[in-house]
ModelCIF file with pLDDT and N, C-alpha, C, O atoms, coordinates in Angstrom:
data_MODEL
#
_entry.id   MODEL 
#
_entity.id                         1 
_entity.type                       polymer 
_entity.pdbx_number_of_molecules   1 
#
_entity_poly.entity_id                      1 
_entity_poly.type                           'polypeptide(L)' 
_entity_poly.nstd_linkage                   no 
_entity_poly.nstd_monomer                   no 
_entity_poly.pdbx_seq_one_letter_code       
;(UNK)(UNK)(UNK)(UNK)(UNK)(UNK)(UNK)(UNK)(UNK)(UNK)(UNK)(UNK)(UNK)(UNK)(UNK)(UNK)
(UNK)(UNK)(UNK)(UNK)(UNK)(UNK)(UNK)(UNK)(UNK)(UNK)(UNK)(UNK)(UNK)(UNK)(UNK)(UNK)
(UNK)(UNK)(UNK)(UNK)(UNK)(UNK)(UNK)(UNK)(UNK)(UNK)(UNK)(UNK)(UNK)(UNK)(UNK)
;
_entity_poly.pdbx_seq_one_letter_code_can   XXXXXXXXXXXXXXXXXXXXXXXXXXXXXXXXXXXXXXXXXXXXXXX 
_entity_poly.pdbx_strand_id                 A 
#
loop_
_entity_poly_seq.entity_id 
_entity_poly_seq.num 
_entity_poly_seq.mon_id 
_entity_poly_seq.hetero 
1 1  UNK n 
1 2  UNK n 
1 3  UNK n 
1 4  UNK n 
1 5  UNK n 
1 6  UNK n 
1 7  UNK n 
1 8  UNK n 
1 9  UNK n 
1 10 UNK n 
1 11 UNK n 
1 12 UNK n 
1 13 UNK n 
1 14 UNK n 
1 15 UNK n 
1 16 UNK n 
1 17 UNK n 
1 18 UNK n 
1 19 UNK n 
1 20 UNK n 
1 21 UNK n 
1 22 UNK n 
1 23 UNK n 
1 24 UNK n 
1 25 UNK n 
1 26 UNK n 
1 27 UNK n 
1 28 UNK n 
1 29 UNK n 
1 30 UNK n 
1 31 UNK n 
1 32 UNK n 
1 33 UNK n 
1 34 UNK n 
1 35 UNK n 
1 36 UNK n 
1 37 UNK n 
1 38 UNK n 
1 39 UNK n 
1 40 UNK n 
1 41 UNK n 
1 42 UNK n 
1 43 UNK n 
1 44 UNK n 
1 45 UNK n 
1 46 UNK n 
1 47 UNK n 
#
_struct_asym.id          A 
_struct_asym.entity_id   1 
#
loop_
_ma_qa_metric.id 
_ma_qa_metric.mode 
_ma_qa_metric.name 
_ma_qa_metric.software_group_id 
_ma_qa_metric.type 
1 global pLDDT . pLDDT 
2 local  pLDDT . pLDDT 
#
_ma_qa_metric_global.metric_id      1 
_ma_qa_metric_global.metric_value   86.70 
_ma_qa_metric_global.model_id       1 
_ma_qa_metric_global.ordinal_id     1 
#
loop_
_ma_qa_metric_local.label_asym_id 
_ma_qa_metric_local.label_comp_id 
_ma_qa_metric_local.label_seq_id 
_ma_qa_metric_local.metric_id 
_ma_qa_metric_local.metric_value 
_ma_qa_metric_local.model_id 
_ma_qa_metric_local.ordinal_id 
A UNK 1  2 87.00 1 1  
A UNK 2  2 90.00 1 2  
A UNK 3  2 88.00 1 3  
A UNK 4  2 85.00 1 4  
A UNK 5  2 90.00 1 5  
A UNK 6  2 91.00 1 6  
A UNK 7  2 87.00 1 7  
A UNK 8  2 85.00 1 8  
A UNK 9  2 89.00 1 9  
A UNK 10 2 87.00 1 10 
A UNK 11 2 85.00 1 11 
A UNK 12 2 88.00 1 12 
A UNK 13 2 87.00 1 13 
A UNK 14 2 85.00 1 14 
A UNK 15 2 88.00 1 15 
A UNK 16 2 88.00 1 16 
A UNK 17 2 87.00 1 17 
A UNK 18 2 86.00 1 18 
A UNK 19 2 90.00 1 19 
A UNK 20 2 89.00 1 20 
A UNK 21 2 86.00 1 21 
A UNK 22 2 87.00 1 22 
A UNK 23 2 89.00 1 23 
A UNK 24 2 88.00 1 24 
A UNK 25 2 87.00 1 25 
A UNK 26 2 89.00 1 26 
A UNK 27 2 90.00 1 27 
A UNK 28 2 89.00 1 28 
A UNK 29 2 88.00 1 29 
A UNK 30 2 90.00 1 30 
A UNK 31 2 90.00 1 31 
A UNK 32 2 91.00 1 32 
A UNK 33 2 90.00 1 33 
A UNK 34 2 88.00 1 34 
A UNK 35 2 87.00 1 35 
A UNK 36 2 80.00 1 36 
A UNK 37 2 74.00 1 37 
A UNK 38 2 66.00 1 38 
A UNK 39 2 74.00 1 39 
A UNK 40 2 79.00 1 40 
A UNK 41 2 83.00 1 41 
A UNK 42 2 80.00 1 42 
A UNK 43 2 86.00 1 43 
A UNK 44 2 90.00 1 44 
A UNK 45 2 93.00 1 45 
A UNK 46 2 94.00 1 46 
A UNK 47 2 95.00 1 47 
#
loop_
_atom_site.group_PDB 
_atom_site.id 
_atom_site.type_symbol 
_atom_site.label_atom_id 
_atom_site.label_alt_id 
_atom_site.label_comp_id 
_atom_site.label_asym_id 
_atom_site.label_entity_id 
_atom_site.label_seq_id 
_atom_site.pdbx_PDB_ins_code 
_atom_site.Cartn_x 
_atom_site.Cartn_y 
_atom_site.Cartn_z 
_atom_site.occupancy 
_atom_site.B_iso_or_equiv 
_atom_site.pdbx_formal_charge 
_atom_site.auth_seq_id 
_atom_site.auth_comp_id 
_atom_site.auth_asym_id 
_atom_site.auth_atom_id 
_atom_site.pdbx_PDB_model_num 
ATOM 1   N N  . UNK A 1 1  ? 66.351 -14.745 16.171  1.00 87.00 ? 1  UNK A N  1 
ATOM 2   C CA . UNK A 1 1  ? 65.280 -15.432 15.437  1.00 87.00 ? 1  UNK A CA 1 
ATOM 3   C C  . UNK A 1 1  ? 65.673 -16.854 15.044  1.00 87.00 ? 1  UNK A C  1 
ATOM 4   O O  . UNK A 1 1  ? 64.969 -17.489 14.260  1.00 87.00 ? 1  UNK A O  1 
ATOM 5   N N  . UNK A 1 2  ? 66.795 -17.368 15.579  1.00 90.00 ? 2  UNK A N  1 
ATOM 6   C CA . UNK A 1 2  ? 67.291 -18.679 15.153  1.00 90.00 ? 2  UNK A CA 1 
ATOM 7   C C  . UNK A 1 2  ? 66.250 -19.776 15.355  1.00 90.00 ? 2  UNK A C  1 
ATOM 8   O O  . UNK A 1 2  ? 65.918 -20.500 14.417  1.00 90.00 ? 2  UNK A O  1 
ATOM 9   N N  . UNK A 1 3  ? 65.731 -19.899 16.586  1.00 88.00 ? 3  UNK A N  1 
ATOM 10  C CA . UNK A 1 3  ? 64.810 -21.007 16.866  1.00 88.00 ? 3  UNK A CA 1 
ATOM 11  C C  . UNK A 1 3  ? 63.542 -20.906 16.032  1.00 88.00 ? 3  UNK A C  1 
ATOM 12  O O  . UNK A 1 3  ? 63.100 -21.896 15.448  1.00 88.00 ? 3  UNK A O  1 
ATOM 13  N N  . UNK A 1 4  ? 62.954 -19.716 15.973  1.00 85.00 ? 4  UNK A N  1 
ATOM 14  C CA . UNK A 1 4  ? 61.727 -19.543 15.200  1.00 85.00 ? 4  UNK A CA 1 
ATOM 15  C C  . UNK A 1 4  ? 61.961 -19.852 13.724  1.00 85.00 ? 4  UNK A C  1 
ATOM 16  O O  . UNK A 1 4  ? 61.142 -20.512 13.084  1.00 85.00 ? 4  UNK A O  1 
ATOM 17  N N  . UNK A 1 5  ? 63.093 -19.369 13.183  1.00 90.00 ? 5  UNK A N  1 
ATOM 18  C CA . UNK A 1 5  ? 63.400 -19.607 11.769  1.00 90.00 ? 5  UNK A CA 1 
ATOM 19  C C  . UNK A 1 5  ? 63.609 -21.087 11.485  1.00 90.00 ? 5  UNK A C  1 
ATOM 20  O O  . UNK A 1 5  ? 63.088 -21.615 10.502  1.00 90.00 ? 5  UNK A O  1 
ATOM 21  N N  . UNK A 1 6  ? 64.374 -21.760 12.349  1.00 91.00 ? 6  UNK A N  1 
ATOM 22  C CA . UNK A 1 6  ? 64.639 -23.185 12.140  1.00 91.00 ? 6  UNK A CA 1 
ATOM 23  C C  . UNK A 1 6  ? 63.374 -24.019 12.279  1.00 91.00 ? 6  UNK A C  1 
ATOM 24  O O  . UNK A 1 6  ? 63.175 -24.977 11.533  1.00 91.00 ? 6  UNK A O  1 
ATOM 25  N N  . UNK A 1 7  ? 62.520 -23.661 13.232  1.00 87.00 ? 7  UNK A N  1 
ATOM 26  C CA . UNK A 1 7  ? 61.259 -24.402 13.372  1.00 87.00 ? 7  UNK A CA 1 
ATOM 27  C C  . UNK A 1 7  ? 60.378 -24.198 12.147  1.00 87.00 ? 7  UNK A C  1 
ATOM 28  O O  . UNK A 1 7  ? 59.688 -25.119 11.710  1.00 87.00 ? 7  UNK A O  1 
ATOM 29  N N  . UNK A 1 8  ? 60.405 -22.991 11.599  1.00 85.00 ? 8  UNK A N  1 
ATOM 30  C CA . UNK A 1 8  ? 59.660 -22.742 10.372  1.00 85.00 ? 8  UNK A CA 1 
ATOM 31  C C  . UNK A 1 8  ? 60.204 -23.553 9.202   1.00 85.00 ? 8  UNK A C  1 
ATOM 32  O O  . UNK A 1 8  ? 59.437 -24.074 8.392   1.00 85.00 ? 8  UNK A O  1 
ATOM 33  N N  . UNK A 1 9  ? 61.529 -23.661 9.115   1.00 89.00 ? 9  UNK A N  1 
ATOM 34  C CA . UNK A 1 9  ? 62.147 -24.463 8.055   1.00 89.00 ? 9  UNK A CA 1 
ATOM 35  C C  . UNK A 1 9  ? 61.811 -25.936 8.235   1.00 89.00 ? 9  UNK A C  1 
ATOM 36  O O  . UNK A 1 9  ? 61.571 -26.657 7.266   1.00 89.00 ? 9  UNK A O  1 
ATOM 37  N N  . UNK A 1 10 ? 61.797 -26.373 9.498   1.00 87.00 ? 10 UNK A N  1 
ATOM 38  C CA . UNK A 1 10 ? 61.439 -27.766 9.760   1.00 87.00 ? 10 UNK A CA 1 
ATOM 39  C C  . UNK A 1 10 ? 60.007 -28.059 9.382   1.00 87.00 ? 10 UNK A C  1 
ATOM 40  O O  . UNK A 1 10 ? 59.703 -29.121 8.839   1.00 87.00 ? 10 UNK A O  1 
ATOM 41  N N  . UNK A 1 11 ? 59.118 -27.104 9.671   1.00 85.00 ? 11 UNK A N  1 
ATOM 42  C CA . UNK A 1 11 ? 57.719 -27.283 9.298   1.00 85.00 ? 11 UNK A CA 1 
ATOM 43  C C  . UNK A 1 11 ? 57.565 -27.354 7.782   1.00 85.00 ? 11 UNK A C  1 
ATOM 44  O O  . UNK A 1 11 ? 56.809 -28.178 7.268   1.00 85.00 ? 11 UNK A O  1 
ATOM 45  N N  . UNK A 1 12 ? 58.284 -26.490 7.071   1.00 88.00 ? 12 UNK A N  1 
ATOM 46  C CA . UNK A 1 12 ? 58.183 -26.529 5.604   1.00 88.00 ? 12 UNK A CA 1 
ATOM 47  C C  . UNK A 1 12 ? 58.689 -27.875 5.079   1.00 88.00 ? 12 UNK A C  1 
ATOM 48  O O  . UNK A 1 12 ? 58.114 -28.436 4.146   1.00 88.00 ? 12 UNK A O  1 
ATOM 49  N N  . UNK A 1 13 ? 59.770 -28.392 5.682   1.00 87.00 ? 13 UNK A N  1 
ATOM 50  C CA . UNK A 1 13 ? 60.258 -29.706 5.264   1.00 87.00 ? 13 UNK A CA 1 
ATOM 51  C C  . UNK A 1 13 ? 59.224 -30.788 5.493   1.00 87.00 ? 13 UNK A C  1 
ATOM 52  O O  . UNK A 1 13 ? 59.040 -31.667 4.651   1.00 87.00 ? 13 UNK A O  1 
ATOM 53  N N  . UNK A 1 14 ? 58.542 -30.727 6.643   1.00 85.00 ? 14 UNK A N  1 
ATOM 54  C CA . UNK A 1 14 ? 57.486 -31.706 6.926   1.00 85.00 ? 14 UNK A CA 1 
ATOM 55  C C  . UNK A 1 14 ? 56.338 -31.569 5.932   1.00 85.00 ? 14 UNK A C  1 
ATOM 56  O O  . UNK A 1 14 ? 55.770 -32.562 5.479   1.00 85.00 ? 14 UNK A O  1 
ATOM 57  N N  . UNK A 1 15 ? 56.004 -30.312 5.596   1.00 88.00 ? 15 UNK A N  1 
ATOM 58  C CA . UNK A 1 15 ? 54.915 -30.075 4.647   1.00 88.00 ? 15 UNK A CA 1 
ATOM 59  C C  . UNK A 1 15 ? 55.279 -30.621 3.269   1.00 88.00 ? 15 UNK A C  1 
ATOM 60  O O  . UNK A 1 15 ? 54.447 -31.227 2.595   1.00 88.00 ? 15 UNK A O  1 
ATOM 61  N N  . UNK A 1 16 ? 56.524 -30.404 2.857   1.00 88.00 ? 16 UNK A N  1 
ATOM 62  C CA . UNK A 1 16 ? 56.957 -30.899 1.544   1.00 88.00 ? 16 UNK A CA 1 
ATOM 63  C C  . UNK A 1 16 ? 56.842 -32.423 1.488   1.00 88.00 ? 16 UNK A C  1 
ATOM 64  O O  . UNK A 1 16 ? 56.341 -32.976 0.509   1.00 88.00 ? 16 UNK A O  1 
ATOM 65  N N  . UNK A 1 17 ? 57.312 -33.105 2.550   1.00 87.00 ? 17 UNK A N  1 
ATOM 66  C CA . UNK A 1 17 ? 57.211 -34.573 2.570   1.00 87.00 ? 17 UNK A CA 1 
ATOM 67  C C  . UNK A 1 17 ? 55.761 -35.038 2.547   1.00 87.00 ? 17 UNK A C  1 
ATOM 68  O O  . UNK A 1 17 ? 55.418 -35.992 1.849   1.00 87.00 ? 17 UNK A O  1 
ATOM 69  N N  . UNK A 1 18 ? 54.904 -34.354 3.321   1.00 86.00 ? 18 UNK A N  1 
ATOM 70  C CA . UNK A 1 18 ? 53.490 -34.729 3.357   1.00 86.00 ? 18 UNK A CA 1 
ATOM 71  C C  . UNK A 1 18 ? 52.826 -34.511 2.004   1.00 86.00 ? 18 UNK A C  1 
ATOM 72  O O  . UNK A 1 18 ? 52.055 -35.350 1.538   1.00 86.00 ? 18 UNK A O  1 
ATOM 73  N N  . UNK A 1 19 ? 53.134 -33.372 1.375   1.00 90.00 ? 19 UNK A N  1 
ATOM 74  C CA . UNK A 1 19 ? 52.525 -33.069 0.084   1.00 90.00 ? 19 UNK A CA 1 
ATOM 75  C C  . UNK A 1 19 ? 53.037 -34.014 -1.000  1.00 90.00 ? 19 UNK A C  1 
ATOM 76  O O  . UNK A 1 19 ? 52.270 -34.428 -1.870  1.00 90.00 ? 19 UNK A O  1 
ATOM 77  N N  . UNK A 1 20 ? 54.322 -34.358 -0.958  1.00 89.00 ? 20 UNK A N  1 
ATOM 78  C CA . UNK A 1 20 ? 54.857 -35.321 -1.924  1.00 89.00 ? 20 UNK A CA 1 
ATOM 79  C C  . UNK A 1 20 ? 54.138 -36.658 -1.801  1.00 89.00 ? 20 UNK A C  1 
ATOM 80  O O  . UNK A 1 20 ? 53.827 -37.297 -2.806  1.00 89.00 ? 20 UNK A O  1 
ATOM 81  N N  . UNK A 1 21 ? 53.873 -37.077 -0.564  1.00 86.00 ? 21 UNK A N  1 
ATOM 82  C CA . UNK A 1 21 ? 53.165 -38.342 -0.346  1.00 86.00 ? 21 UNK A CA 1 
ATOM 83  C C  . UNK A 1 21 ? 51.728 -38.255 -0.849  1.00 86.00 ? 21 UNK A C  1 
ATOM 84  O O  . UNK A 1 21 ? 51.182 -39.242 -1.342  1.00 86.00 ? 21 UNK A O  1 
ATOM 85  N N  . UNK A 1 22 ? 51.103 -37.061 -0.727  1.00 87.00 ? 22 UNK A N  1 
ATOM 86  C CA . UNK A 1 22 ? 49.690 -36.914 -1.084  1.00 87.00 ? 22 UNK A CA 1 
ATOM 87  C C  . UNK A 1 22 ? 49.471 -36.713 -2.573  1.00 87.00 ? 22 UNK A C  1 
ATOM 88  O O  . UNK A 1 22 ? 48.508 -37.243 -3.127  1.00 87.00 ? 22 UNK A O  1 
ATOM 89  N N  . UNK A 1 23 ? 50.355 -35.948 -3.246  1.00 89.00 ? 23 UNK A N  1 
ATOM 90  C CA . UNK A 1 23 ? 50.087 -35.589 -4.639  1.00 89.00 ? 23 UNK A CA 1 
ATOM 91  C C  . UNK A 1 23 ? 51.140 -36.093 -5.610  1.00 89.00 ? 23 UNK A C  1 
ATOM 92  O O  . UNK A 1 23 ? 50.941 -36.018 -6.823  1.00 89.00 ? 23 UNK A O  1 
ATOM 93  N N  . UNK A 1 24 ? 52.263 -36.609 -5.102  1.00 88.00 ? 24 UNK A N  1 
ATOM 94  C CA . UNK A 1 24 ? 53.273 -37.196 -5.988  1.00 88.00 ? 24 UNK A CA 1 
ATOM 95  C C  . UNK A 1 24 ? 53.900 -36.198 -6.937  1.00 88.00 ? 24 UNK A C  1 
ATOM 96  O O  . UNK A 1 24 ? 54.347 -35.128 -6.524  1.00 88.00 ? 24 UNK A O  1 
ATOM 97  N N  . UNK A 1 25 ? 53.930 -36.558 -8.227  1.00 87.00 ? 25 UNK A N  1 
ATOM 98  C CA . UNK A 1 25 ? 54.600 -35.750 -9.241  1.00 87.00 ? 25 UNK A CA 1 
ATOM 99  C C  . UNK A 1 25 ? 53.904 -34.421 -9.518  1.00 87.00 ? 25 UNK A C  1 
ATOM 100 O O  . UNK A 1 25 ? 54.478 -33.544 -10.163 1.00 87.00 ? 25 UNK A O  1 
ATOM 101 N N  . UNK A 1 26 ? 52.667 -34.264 -9.034  1.00 89.00 ? 26 UNK A N  1 
ATOM 102 C CA . UNK A 1 26 ? 51.944 -33.015 -9.293  1.00 89.00 ? 26 UNK A CA 1 
ATOM 103 C C  . UNK A 1 26 ? 52.424 -31.872 -8.404  1.00 89.00 ? 26 UNK A C  1 
ATOM 104 O O  . UNK A 1 26 ? 52.029 -30.724 -8.604  1.00 89.00 ? 26 UNK A O  1 
ATOM 105 N N  . UNK A 1 27 ? 53.281 -32.180 -7.415  1.00 90.00 ? 27 UNK A N  1 
ATOM 106 C CA . UNK A 1 27 ? 53.742 -31.148 -6.495  1.00 90.00 ? 27 UNK A CA 1 
ATOM 107 C C  . UNK A 1 27 ? 54.687 -30.176 -7.199  1.00 90.00 ? 27 UNK A C  1 
ATOM 108 O O  . UNK A 1 27 ? 55.606 -30.585 -7.909  1.00 90.00 ? 27 UNK A O  1 
ATOM 109 N N  . UNK A 1 28 ? 54.444 -28.881 -6.990  1.00 89.00 ? 28 UNK A N  1 
ATOM 110 C CA . UNK A 1 28 ? 55.307 -27.822 -7.516  1.00 89.00 ? 28 UNK A CA 1 
ATOM 111 C C  . UNK A 1 28 ? 55.880 -27.062 -6.325  1.00 89.00 ? 28 UNK A C  1 
ATOM 112 O O  . UNK A 1 28 ? 55.170 -26.286 -5.686  1.00 89.00 ? 28 UNK A O  1 
ATOM 113 N N  . UNK A 1 29 ? 57.158 -27.280 -6.022  1.00 88.00 ? 29 UNK A N  1 
ATOM 114 C CA . UNK A 1 29 ? 57.778 -26.632 -4.868  1.00 88.00 ? 29 UNK A CA 1 
ATOM 115 C C  . UNK A 1 29 ? 57.782 -25.113 -5.022  1.00 88.00 ? 29 UNK A C  1 
ATOM 116 O O  . UNK A 1 29 ? 57.671 -24.383 -4.038  1.00 88.00 ? 29 UNK A O  1 
ATOM 117 N N  . UNK A 1 30 ? 57.910 -24.648 -6.251  1.00 90.00 ? 30 UNK A N  1 
ATOM 118 C CA . UNK A 1 30 ? 57.955 -23.197 -6.487  1.00 90.00 ? 30 UNK A CA 1 
ATOM 119 C C  . UNK A 1 30 ? 56.640 -22.531 -6.095  1.00 90.00 ? 30 UNK A C  1 
ATOM 120 O O  . UNK A 1 30 ? 56.638 -21.378 -5.664  1.00 90.00 ? 30 UNK A O  1 
ATOM 121 N N  . UNK A 1 31 ? 55.525 -23.243 -6.237  1.00 90.00 ? 31 UNK A N  1 
ATOM 122 C CA . UNK A 1 31 ? 54.211 -22.663 -5.952  1.00 90.00 ? 31 UNK A CA 1 
ATOM 123 C C  . UNK A 1 31 ? 53.608 -23.197 -4.640  1.00 90.00 ? 31 UNK A C  1 
ATOM 124 O O  . UNK A 1 31 ? 52.439 -22.941 -4.351  1.00 90.00 ? 31 UNK A O  1 
ATOM 125 N N  . UNK A 1 32 ? 54.391 -23.928 -3.857  1.00 91.00 ? 32 UNK A N  1 
ATOM 126 C CA . UNK A 1 32 ? 53.871 -24.508 -2.619  1.00 91.00 ? 32 UNK A CA 1 
ATOM 127 C C  . UNK A 1 32 ? 53.724 -23.427 -1.547  1.00 91.00 ? 32 UNK A C  1 
ATOM 128 O O  . UNK A 1 32 ? 54.650 -22.653 -1.307  1.00 91.00 ? 32 UNK A O  1 
ATOM 129 N N  . UNK A 1 33 ? 52.553 -23.381 -0.906  1.00 90.00 ? 33 UNK A N  1 
ATOM 130 C CA . UNK A 1 33 ? 52.283 -22.417 0.147   1.00 90.00 ? 33 UNK A CA 1 
ATOM 131 C C  . UNK A 1 33 ? 51.614 -23.136 1.331   1.00 90.00 ? 33 UNK A C  1 
ATOM 132 O O  . UNK A 1 33 ? 50.967 -24.171 1.170   1.00 90.00 ? 33 UNK A O  1 
ATOM 133 N N  . UNK A 1 34 ? 51.797 -22.547 2.529   1.00 88.00 ? 34 UNK A N  1 
ATOM 134 C CA . UNK A 1 34 ? 51.186 -23.072 3.751   1.00 88.00 ? 34 UNK A CA 1 
ATOM 135 C C  . UNK A 1 34 ? 50.087 -22.105 4.177   1.00 88.00 ? 34 UNK A C  1 
ATOM 136 O O  . UNK A 1 34 ? 50.356 -20.924 4.394   1.00 88.00 ? 34 UNK A O  1 
ATOM 137 N N  . UNK A 1 35 ? 48.844 -22.592 4.299   1.00 87.00 ? 35 UNK A N  1 
ATOM 138 C CA . UNK A 1 35 ? 47.734 -21.706 4.628   1.00 87.00 ? 35 UNK A CA 1 
ATOM 139 C C  . UNK A 1 35 ? 47.842 -21.166 6.047   1.00 87.00 ? 35 UNK A C  1 
ATOM 140 O O  . UNK A 1 35 ? 47.192 -20.178 6.390   1.00 87.00 ? 35 UNK A O  1 
ATOM 141 N N  . UNK A 1 36 ? 48.669 -21.817 6.880   1.00 80.00 ? 36 UNK A N  1 
ATOM 142 C CA . UNK A 1 36 ? 48.883 -21.321 8.241   1.00 80.00 ? 36 UNK A CA 1 
ATOM 143 C C  . UNK A 1 36 ? 49.939 -20.229 8.276   1.00 80.00 ? 36 UNK A C  1 
ATOM 144 O O  . UNK A 1 36 ? 50.177 -19.648 9.334   1.00 80.00 ? 36 UNK A O  1 
ATOM 145 N N  . UNK A 1 37 ? 50.582 -19.933 7.143   1.00 74.00 ? 37 UNK A N  1 
ATOM 146 C CA . UNK A 1 37 ? 51.622 -18.921 7.087   1.00 74.00 ? 37 UNK A CA 1 
ATOM 147 C C  . UNK A 1 37 ? 51.076 -17.509 7.122   1.00 74.00 ? 37 UNK A C  1 
ATOM 148 O O  . UNK A 1 37 ? 49.881 -17.278 6.939   1.00 74.00 ? 37 UNK A O  1 
ATOM 149 N N  . UNK A 1 38 ? 51.971 -16.577 7.358   1.00 66.00 ? 38 UNK A N  1 
ATOM 150 C CA . UNK A 1 38 ? 51.561 -15.181 7.508   1.00 66.00 ? 38 UNK A CA 1 
ATOM 151 C C  . UNK A 1 38 ? 51.068 -14.563 6.201   1.00 66.00 ? 38 UNK A C  1 
ATOM 152 O O  . UNK A 1 38 ? 50.281 -13.616 6.220   1.00 66.00 ? 38 UNK A O  1 
ATOM 153 N N  . UNK A 1 39 ? 51.526 -15.093 5.069   1.00 74.00 ? 39 UNK A N  1 
ATOM 154 C CA . UNK A 1 39 ? 51.172 -14.493 3.783   1.00 74.00 ? 39 UNK A CA 1 
ATOM 155 C C  . UNK A 1 39 ? 49.917 -15.102 3.166   1.00 74.00 ? 39 UNK A C  1 
ATOM 156 O O  . UNK A 1 39 ? 49.542 -14.736 2.053   1.00 74.00 ? 39 UNK A O  1 
ATOM 157 N N  . UNK A 1 40 ? 49.266 -16.022 3.866   1.00 79.00 ? 40 UNK A N  1 
ATOM 158 C CA . UNK A 1 40 ? 48.079 -16.676 3.315   1.00 79.00 ? 40 UNK A CA 1 
ATOM 159 C C  . UNK A 1 40 ? 46.916 -15.686 3.242   1.00 79.00 ? 40 UNK A C  1 
ATOM 160 O O  . UNK A 1 40 ? 46.788 -14.819 4.107   1.00 79.00 ? 40 UNK A O  1 
ATOM 161 N N  . UNK A 1 41 ? 46.069 -15.807 2.216   1.00 83.00 ? 41 UNK A N  1 
ATOM 162 C CA . UNK A 1 41 ? 44.914 -14.902 2.104   1.00 83.00 ? 41 UNK A CA 1 
ATOM 163 C C  . UNK A 1 41 ? 43.860 -15.239 3.153   1.00 83.00 ? 41 UNK A C  1 
ATOM 164 O O  . UNK A 1 41 ? 43.886 -16.317 3.746   1.00 83.00 ? 41 UNK A O  1 
ATOM 165 N N  . UNK A 1 42 ? 42.935 -14.313 3.377   1.00 80.00 ? 42 UNK A N  1 
ATOM 166 C CA . UNK A 1 42 ? 41.853 -14.574 4.328   1.00 80.00 ? 42 UNK A CA 1 
ATOM 167 C C  . UNK A 1 42 ? 40.883 -15.606 3.773   1.00 80.00 ? 42 UNK A C  1 
ATOM 168 O O  . UNK A 1 42 ? 40.244 -16.340 4.527   1.00 80.00 ? 42 UNK A O  1 
ATOM 169 N N  . UNK A 1 43 ? 40.778 -15.659 2.436   1.00 86.00 ? 43 UNK A N  1 
ATOM 170 C CA . UNK A 1 43 ? 39.827 -16.574 1.795   1.00 86.00 ? 43 UNK A CA 1 
ATOM 171 C C  . UNK A 1 43 ? 40.494 -17.151 0.560   1.00 86.00 ? 43 UNK A C  1 
ATOM 172 O O  . UNK A 1 43 ? 41.200 -16.451 -0.166  1.00 86.00 ? 43 UNK A O  1 
ATOM 173 N N  . UNK A 1 44 ? 40.263 -18.435 0.331   1.00 90.00 ? 44 UNK A N  1 
ATOM 174 C CA . UNK A 1 44 ? 40.897 -19.114 -0.796  1.00 90.00 ? 44 UNK A CA 1 
ATOM 175 C C  . UNK A 1 44 ? 39.944 -20.146 -1.375  1.00 90.00 ? 44 UNK A C  1 
ATOM 176 O O  . UNK A 1 44 ? 39.277 -20.873 -0.639  1.00 90.00 ? 44 UNK A O  1 
ATOM 177 N N  . UNK A 1 45 ? 39.887 -20.202 -2.686  1.00 93.00 ? 45 UNK A N  1 
ATOM 178 C CA . UNK A 1 45 ? 39.113 -21.246 -3.372  1.00 93.00 ? 45 UNK A CA 1 
ATOM 179 C C  . UNK A 1 45 ? 40.097 -22.169 -4.068  1.00 93.00 ? 45 UNK A C  1 
ATOM 180 O O  . UNK A 1 45 ? 41.011 -21.712 -4.754  1.00 93.00 ? 45 UNK A O  1 
ATOM 181 N N  . UNK A 1 46 ? 39.907 -23.479 -3.889  1.00 94.00 ? 46 UNK A N  1 
ATOM 182 C CA . UNK A 1 46 ? 40.832 -24.425 -4.493  1.00 94.00 ? 46 UNK A CA 1 
ATOM 183 C C  . UNK A 1 46 ? 40.188 -25.768 -4.765  1.00 94.00 ? 46 UNK A C  1 
ATOM 184 O O  . UNK A 1 46 ? 39.116 -26.087 -4.250  1.00 94.00 ? 46 UNK A O  1 
ATOM 185 N N  . UNK A 1 47 ? 40.873 -26.548 -5.593  1.00 95.00 ? 47 UNK A N  1 
ATOM 186 C CA . UNK A 1 47 ? 40.416 -27.902 -5.932  1.00 95.00 ? 47 UNK A CA 1 
ATOM 187 C C  . UNK A 1 47 ? 41.252 -28.909 -5.157  1.00 95.00 ? 47 UNK A C  1 
ATOM 188 O O  . UNK A 1 47 ? 41.042 -30.115 -5.287  1.00 95.00 ? 47 UNK A O  1 
#
């Protein structure tokens, strides 16, 4: 699972950088989720 795991880690790093650029200090790494991930709900309401 090395390649798949590392690519997933790379994607999360890219997401963190993108989110930091978009929301700045409001970003919470502890609560950060990717909607394309396996654990995402089928439906989500957000602001």
